[in-house]
Amino acid sequence: MKKLSLLVLMLSATLACQKDDATGADRACGTYKSGQSLRTGPDGGCYYLNSNGNKTYVEREACKC
């Protein structure tokens, strides 16, 4: 039973960081130190959009999904 619960938990965490099904957009995953909204990219990278609209990647541990 513990193995099944662990498997379900791991699967839920994996699915939470994948792209939104309806829009195909990257998924929101928390807030960075200076208040920017963090998102998870297609390869699992963690980033926010800077003032120029470009992706600025940060450490993956910053994303909370």
Protein backbone atom coordinates (compact mmCIF):
# COMPACT_ATOMS: atom_id res chain seq x y z
CA MET A 1 0.00 0.00 0.00
CA LYS A 2 2.88 2.38 0.79
CA LYS A 3 4.39 1.77 -2.65
CA LEU A 4 1.10 2.59 -4.36
CA SER A 5 0.70 5.80 -2.34
CA LEU A 6 4.25 6.85 -3.17
CA LEU A 7 3.69 6.13 -6.86
CA VAL A 8 0.50 8.21 -6.90
CA LEU A 9 2.28 11.08 -5.12
CA MET A 10 5.19 11.02 -7.58
CA LEU A 11 2.84 10.91 -10.56
CA SER A 12 0.83 13.84 -9.20
CA ALA A 13 3.98 15.94 -8.73
CA THR A 14 5.15 15.14 -12.26
CA LEU A 15 1.83 16.06 -13.82
CA ALA A 16 1.63 19.31 -11.85
CA CYS A 17 4.73 20.67 -13.58
CA GLN A 18 3.70 19.80 -17.11
CA LYS A 19 2.15 22.20 -19.60
CA ASP A 20 -1.48 23.19 -19.29
CA ASP A 21 -3.46 20.83 -21.52
CA ALA A 22 -5.96 23.36 -22.87
CA THR A 23 -3.58 26.14 -23.88
CA GLY A 24 -0.19 24.45 -24.21
CA ALA A 25 1.27 27.29 -22.11
CA ASP A 26 3.98 26.75 -19.53
CA ARG A 27 2.66 26.22 -16.02
CA ALA A 28 2.93 28.79 -13.20
CA CYS A 29 5.03 27.49 -10.30
CA GLY A 30 5.43 30.13 -7.62
CA THR A 31 7.12 33.48 -7.14
CA TYR A 32 10.80 34.43 -7.35
CA LYS A 33 12.73 36.42 -4.71
CA SER A 34 11.94 39.80 -6.25
CA GLY A 35 8.26 39.05 -6.88
CA GLN A 36 8.25 37.78 -10.49
CA SER A 37 5.92 34.89 -11.33
CA LEU A 38 7.86 31.71 -12.01
CA ARG A 39 6.97 29.26 -14.75
CA THR A 40 8.23 25.80 -15.69
CA GLY A 41 9.41 25.40 -19.29
CA PRO A 42 9.08 22.40 -21.62
CA ASP A 43 12.31 20.79 -20.41
CA GLY A 44 11.67 21.47 -16.73
CA GLY A 45 13.60 24.73 -16.51
CA CYS A 46 12.37 27.39 -14.11
CA TYR A 47 12.10 30.98 -15.38
CA TYR A 48 10.34 34.33 -15.18
CA LEU A 49 9.69 36.93 -17.86
CA ASN A 50 11.94 39.97 -17.41
CA SER A 51 10.98 43.57 -18.21
CA ASN A 52 11.89 43.02 -21.90
CA GLY A 53 9.58 39.99 -22.10
CA ASN A 54 12.50 37.55 -22.31
CA LYS A 55 12.82 34.39 -20.24
CA THR A 56 15.29 34.64 -17.37
CA TYR A 57 16.11 31.17 -16.06
CA VAL A 58 16.72 30.59 -12.34
CA GLU A 59 17.57 27.54 -10.26
CA ARG A 60 15.00 24.76 -10.64
CA GLU A 61 14.54 24.55 -6.89
CA ALA A 62 12.86 27.97 -6.98
CA CYS A 63 9.79 26.51 -8.74
CA LYS A 64 7.31 25.09 -6.25
CA CYS A 65 5.43 22.57 -8.37
